[in-house]
């Protein structure tokens, strides 16, 4: 996550992302692991989610922690489900060949 923070130009946004990371990193990993059942895949999903979060900072509530969490977990779950669909597709196409 901290390498991604360097991509943020605005110091205020960078600090906001740092706070989000401190607050939600562990919970995000647990949600992703619960869906994907694989540690490395869960870590990748969390990292991909942070990229989407950084790209959509203007949509995340800075005042309401619950609204921010709801938005973040929605992004995370979508990343996990996208990954699962891709894996299923690749497995299906590999089996056909």
N, C-alpha and C. Protein backbone atom coordinates (compact mmCIF):
# COMPACT_ATOMS: atom_id res chain seq x y z
N UNK A 1 0.83 -1.20 0.00
CA UNK A 1 0.00 0.00 0.00
C UNK A 1 0.86 1.25 0.00
N UNK A 2 1.95 1.23 0.74
CA UNK A 2 2.73 2.45 0.90
C UNK A 2 3.41 2.88 -0.40
N UNK A 3 3.69 1.96 -1.30
CA UNK A 3 4.21 2.35 -2.61
C UNK A 3 3.13 3.07 -3.41
N UNK A 4 1.90 2.64 -3.24
CA UNK A 4 0.79 3.27 -3.94
C UNK A 4 0.55 4.70 -3.47
N UNK A 5 0.88 4.97 -2.20
CA UNK A 5 0.67 6.31 -1.67
C UNK A 5 1.51 7.34 -2.41
N UNK A 6 2.63 6.92 -2.93
CA UNK A 6 3.50 7.84 -3.67
C UNK A 6 2.85 8.33 -4.96
N UNK A 7 1.87 7.60 -5.46
CA UNK A 7 1.18 7.99 -6.69
C UNK A 7 0.19 9.14 -6.46
N UNK A 8 -0.15 9.39 -5.21
CA UNK A 8 -1.12 10.42 -4.88
C UNK A 8 -0.39 11.76 -4.75
N UNK A 9 -0.81 12.73 -5.53
CA UNK A 9 -0.13 14.02 -5.56
C UNK A 9 -0.50 14.91 -4.38
N UNK A 10 -1.74 14.87 -3.97
CA UNK A 10 -2.25 15.73 -2.92
C UNK A 10 -1.89 15.14 -1.55
N UNK A 11 -1.24 15.92 -0.71
CA UNK A 11 -0.81 15.45 0.61
C UNK A 11 -2.01 15.10 1.50
N UNK A 12 -3.08 15.86 1.39
CA UNK A 12 -4.29 15.58 2.17
C UNK A 12 -4.88 14.21 1.79
N UNK A 13 -4.95 13.93 0.50
CA UNK A 13 -5.45 12.63 0.04
C UNK A 13 -4.51 11.51 0.45
N UNK A 14 -3.22 11.76 0.40
CA UNK A 14 -2.24 10.76 0.80
C UNK A 14 -2.42 10.40 2.28
N UNK A 15 -2.62 11.40 3.11
CA UNK A 15 -2.82 11.17 4.54
C UNK A 15 -4.14 10.43 4.78
N UNK A 16 -5.18 10.78 4.03
CA UNK A 16 -6.47 10.09 4.14
C UNK A 16 -6.31 8.61 3.80
N UNK A 17 -5.59 8.30 2.73
CA UNK A 17 -5.36 6.90 2.35
C UNK A 17 -4.55 6.16 3.39
N UNK A 18 -3.60 6.85 3.98
CA UNK A 18 -2.79 6.24 5.03
C UNK A 18 -3.68 5.86 6.22
N UNK A 19 -4.60 6.75 6.57
CA UNK A 19 -5.53 6.47 7.67
C UNK A 19 -6.46 5.30 7.32
N UNK A 20 -6.95 5.29 6.08
CA UNK A 20 -7.80 4.17 5.65
C UNK A 20 -7.04 2.86 5.77
N UNK A 21 -5.80 2.87 5.36
CA UNK A 21 -4.98 1.66 5.41
C UNK A 21 -4.80 1.19 6.85
N UNK A 22 -4.48 2.11 7.73
CA UNK A 22 -4.30 1.75 9.15
C UNK A 22 -5.59 1.20 9.75
N UNK A 23 -6.69 1.78 9.35
CA UNK A 23 -7.98 1.42 9.94
C UNK A 23 -8.56 0.13 9.36
N UNK A 24 -8.39 -0.10 8.05
CA UNK A 24 -9.14 -1.17 7.39
C UNK A 24 -8.28 -2.28 6.80
N UNK A 25 -6.98 -2.16 6.80
CA UNK A 25 -6.11 -3.14 6.14
C UNK A 25 -6.39 -4.58 6.60
N UNK A 26 -6.39 -4.79 7.87
CA UNK A 26 -6.58 -6.14 8.42
C UNK A 26 -7.98 -6.67 8.08
N UNK A 27 -8.98 -5.84 8.25
CA UNK A 27 -10.35 -6.26 7.95
C UNK A 27 -10.51 -6.58 6.47
N UNK A 28 -9.88 -5.78 5.61
CA UNK A 28 -9.96 -6.04 4.17
C UNK A 28 -9.34 -7.39 3.84
N UNK A 29 -8.18 -7.67 4.44
CA UNK A 29 -7.53 -8.96 4.18
C UNK A 29 -8.44 -10.11 4.61
N UNK A 30 -9.06 -9.99 5.77
CA UNK A 30 -9.93 -11.07 6.27
C UNK A 30 -11.16 -11.28 5.38
N UNK A 31 -11.72 -10.19 4.87
CA UNK A 31 -12.86 -10.32 3.95
C UNK A 31 -12.41 -11.03 2.67
N UNK A 32 -11.28 -10.59 2.12
CA UNK A 32 -10.78 -11.19 0.88
C UNK A 32 -10.40 -12.65 1.09
N UNK A 33 -9.77 -12.96 2.20
CA UNK A 33 -9.40 -14.34 2.48
C UNK A 33 -10.64 -15.21 2.65
N UNK A 34 -11.66 -14.67 3.28
CA UNK A 34 -12.91 -15.41 3.45
C UNK A 34 -13.55 -15.78 2.12
N UNK A 35 -13.37 -14.94 1.12
CA UNK A 35 -13.94 -15.21 -0.20
C UNK A 35 -13.03 -16.11 -1.02
N UNK A 36 -11.74 -15.78 -1.04
CA UNK A 36 -10.80 -16.46 -1.94
C UNK A 36 -10.14 -17.71 -1.35
N UNK A 37 -10.09 -17.80 -0.04
CA UNK A 37 -9.51 -18.97 0.65
C UNK A 37 -8.03 -19.19 0.30
N UNK A 38 -7.34 -18.10 -0.01
CA UNK A 38 -5.93 -18.20 -0.35
C UNK A 38 -5.26 -16.90 0.06
N UNK A 39 -4.20 -17.01 0.83
CA UNK A 39 -3.54 -15.84 1.39
C UNK A 39 -2.96 -14.91 0.32
N UNK A 40 -2.24 -15.47 -0.64
CA UNK A 40 -1.62 -14.65 -1.68
C UNK A 40 -2.67 -13.95 -2.54
N UNK A 41 -3.73 -14.68 -2.88
CA UNK A 41 -4.80 -14.09 -3.68
C UNK A 41 -5.52 -12.98 -2.90
N UNK A 42 -5.70 -13.19 -1.60
CA UNK A 42 -6.35 -12.18 -0.76
C UNK A 42 -5.50 -10.91 -0.71
N UNK A 43 -4.19 -11.07 -0.58
CA UNK A 43 -3.30 -9.91 -0.56
C UNK A 43 -3.35 -9.16 -1.89
N UNK A 44 -3.37 -9.91 -2.99
CA UNK A 44 -3.47 -9.28 -4.31
C UNK A 44 -4.78 -8.52 -4.47
N UNK A 45 -5.86 -9.11 -3.99
CA UNK A 45 -7.18 -8.45 -4.09
C UNK A 45 -7.19 -7.15 -3.28
N UNK A 46 -6.56 -7.17 -2.12
CA UNK A 46 -6.50 -5.96 -1.30
C UNK A 46 -5.70 -4.88 -2.03
N UNK A 47 -4.56 -5.25 -2.62
CA UNK A 47 -3.76 -4.28 -3.35
C UNK A 47 -4.52 -3.71 -4.55
N UNK A 48 -5.19 -4.56 -5.30
CA UNK A 48 -5.98 -4.09 -6.43
C UNK A 48 -7.11 -3.17 -5.97
N UNK A 49 -7.66 -3.47 -4.81
CA UNK A 49 -8.72 -2.63 -4.26
C UNK A 49 -8.19 -1.25 -3.91
N UNK A 50 -6.98 -1.20 -3.37
CA UNK A 50 -6.40 0.10 -3.04
C UNK A 50 -6.19 0.95 -4.29
N UNK A 51 -5.85 0.34 -5.39
CA UNK A 51 -5.71 1.09 -6.64
C UNK A 51 -7.05 1.72 -7.02
N UNK A 52 -8.12 0.93 -6.92
CA UNK A 52 -9.46 1.46 -7.22
C UNK A 52 -9.86 2.53 -6.21
N UNK A 53 -9.51 2.34 -4.96
CA UNK A 53 -9.84 3.33 -3.92
C UNK A 53 -9.13 4.65 -4.21
N UNK A 54 -7.85 4.57 -4.55
CA UNK A 54 -7.08 5.78 -4.86
C UNK A 54 -7.69 6.50 -6.06
N UNK A 55 -8.12 5.74 -7.04
CA UNK A 55 -8.72 6.35 -8.24
C UNK A 55 -10.09 6.95 -7.97
N UNK A 56 -10.71 6.59 -6.85
CA UNK A 56 -12.07 7.07 -6.54
C UNK A 56 -12.14 7.73 -5.17
N UNK A 57 -11.09 8.38 -4.75
CA UNK A 57 -11.08 9.01 -3.43
C UNK A 57 -12.21 10.00 -3.22
N UNK A 58 -12.62 10.66 -4.28
CA UNK A 58 -13.68 11.65 -4.16
C UNK A 58 -15.02 11.03 -3.80
N UNK A 59 -15.17 9.74 -3.95
CA UNK A 59 -16.44 9.06 -3.66
C UNK A 59 -16.49 8.48 -2.24
N UNK A 60 -15.38 8.54 -1.53
CA UNK A 60 -15.31 7.95 -0.20
C UNK A 60 -15.58 9.01 0.85
N UNK A 61 -16.49 8.70 1.75
CA UNK A 61 -16.85 9.62 2.81
C UNK A 61 -15.68 9.80 3.78
N UNK A 62 -15.32 11.02 4.02
CA UNK A 62 -14.23 11.31 4.96
C UNK A 62 -14.76 11.53 6.38
N UNK A 63 -16.06 11.73 6.50
CA UNK A 63 -16.64 11.99 7.82
C UNK A 63 -17.24 10.73 8.44
N UNK A 64 -17.84 9.90 7.61
CA UNK A 64 -18.58 8.75 8.12
C UNK A 64 -17.79 7.46 7.87
N UNK A 65 -17.27 6.90 8.93
CA UNK A 65 -16.44 5.70 8.86
C UNK A 65 -17.22 4.52 8.27
N UNK A 66 -18.48 4.39 8.61
CA UNK A 66 -19.29 3.27 8.12
C UNK A 66 -19.55 3.36 6.63
N UNK A 67 -19.79 4.57 6.14
CA UNK A 67 -19.98 4.74 4.70
C UNK A 67 -18.70 4.44 3.95
N UNK A 68 -17.57 4.88 4.50
CA UNK A 68 -16.28 4.59 3.87
C UNK A 68 -16.05 3.09 3.83
N UNK A 69 -16.30 2.40 4.93
CA UNK A 69 -16.10 0.95 4.98
C UNK A 69 -17.02 0.25 3.98
N UNK A 70 -18.26 0.67 3.89
CA UNK A 70 -19.19 0.05 2.94
C UNK A 70 -18.69 0.19 1.51
N UNK A 71 -18.19 1.35 1.17
CA UNK A 71 -17.67 1.58 -0.17
C UNK A 71 -16.43 0.72 -0.41
N UNK A 72 -15.54 0.69 0.56
CA UNK A 72 -14.30 -0.08 0.43
C UNK A 72 -14.58 -1.57 0.31
N UNK A 73 -15.46 -2.09 1.12
CA UNK A 73 -15.74 -3.53 1.08
C UNK A 73 -16.46 -3.90 -0.21
N UNK A 74 -17.24 -3.00 -0.76
CA UNK A 74 -17.88 -3.26 -2.05
C UNK A 74 -16.82 -3.38 -3.15
N UNK A 75 -15.88 -2.46 -3.16
CA UNK A 75 -14.78 -2.53 -4.13
C UNK A 75 -14.01 -3.84 -3.95
N UNK A 76 -13.69 -4.17 -2.72
CA UNK A 76 -12.91 -5.38 -2.42
C UNK A 76 -13.65 -6.64 -2.87
N UNK A 77 -14.90 -6.75 -2.54
CA UNK A 77 -15.67 -7.93 -2.94
C UNK A 77 -15.76 -8.05 -4.45
N UNK A 78 -15.95 -6.93 -5.12
CA UNK A 78 -15.99 -6.97 -6.58
C UNK A 78 -14.66 -7.44 -7.16
N UNK A 79 -13.55 -7.01 -6.59
CA UNK A 79 -12.24 -7.48 -7.04
C UNK A 79 -12.10 -8.98 -6.82
N UNK A 80 -12.56 -9.46 -5.70
CA UNK A 80 -12.48 -10.90 -5.40
C UNK A 80 -13.33 -11.71 -6.38
N UNK A 81 -14.54 -11.26 -6.61
CA UNK A 81 -15.42 -11.99 -7.52
C UNK A 81 -14.92 -11.93 -8.96
N UNK A 82 -14.36 -10.79 -9.35
CA UNK A 82 -13.75 -10.70 -10.69
C UNK A 82 -12.62 -11.71 -10.82
N UNK A 83 -11.80 -11.79 -9.80
CA UNK A 83 -10.67 -12.73 -9.82
C UNK A 83 -11.18 -14.17 -9.93
N UNK A 84 -12.22 -14.48 -9.16
CA UNK A 84 -12.77 -15.84 -9.20
C UNK A 84 -13.33 -16.17 -10.58
N UNK A 85 -14.02 -15.21 -11.20
CA UNK A 85 -14.55 -15.42 -12.55
C UNK A 85 -13.42 -15.66 -13.55
N UNK A 86 -12.35 -14.88 -13.43
CA UNK A 86 -11.21 -15.06 -14.33
C UNK A 86 -10.59 -16.44 -14.15
N UNK A 87 -10.43 -16.86 -12.92
CA UNK A 87 -9.83 -18.18 -12.65
C UNK A 87 -10.71 -19.29 -13.19
N UNK A 88 -12.00 -19.15 -13.03
CA UNK A 88 -12.93 -20.16 -13.54
C UNK A 88 -12.87 -20.20 -15.05
N UNK A 89 -12.79 -19.03 -15.69
CA UNK A 89 -12.68 -18.95 -17.15
C UNK A 89 -11.39 -19.61 -17.62
N UNK A 90 -10.27 -19.28 -16.97
CA UNK A 90 -8.99 -19.85 -17.39
C UNK A 90 -8.95 -21.36 -17.17
N UNK A 91 -9.54 -21.80 -16.08
CA UNK A 91 -9.57 -23.25 -15.81
C UNK A 91 -10.43 -23.94 -16.87
N UNK A 92 -11.55 -23.34 -17.22
CA UNK A 92 -12.45 -23.91 -18.21
C UNK A 92 -11.77 -23.98 -19.57
N UNK A 93 -11.11 -22.90 -19.97
CA UNK A 93 -10.46 -22.89 -21.29
C UNK A 93 -9.25 -23.82 -21.30
N UNK A 94 -8.54 -23.95 -20.19
CA UNK A 94 -7.41 -24.87 -20.12
C UNK A 94 -7.88 -26.32 -20.21
N UNK A 95 -9.00 -26.62 -19.56
CA UNK A 95 -9.54 -27.99 -19.60
C UNK A 95 -10.01 -28.37 -21.00
N UNK A 96 -10.53 -27.41 -21.75
CA UNK A 96 -11.00 -27.70 -23.10
C UNK A 96 -9.85 -28.03 -24.04
N UNK A 97 -8.71 -27.39 -23.81
CA UNK A 97 -7.56 -27.64 -24.70
C UNK A 97 -6.95 -28.95 -24.32
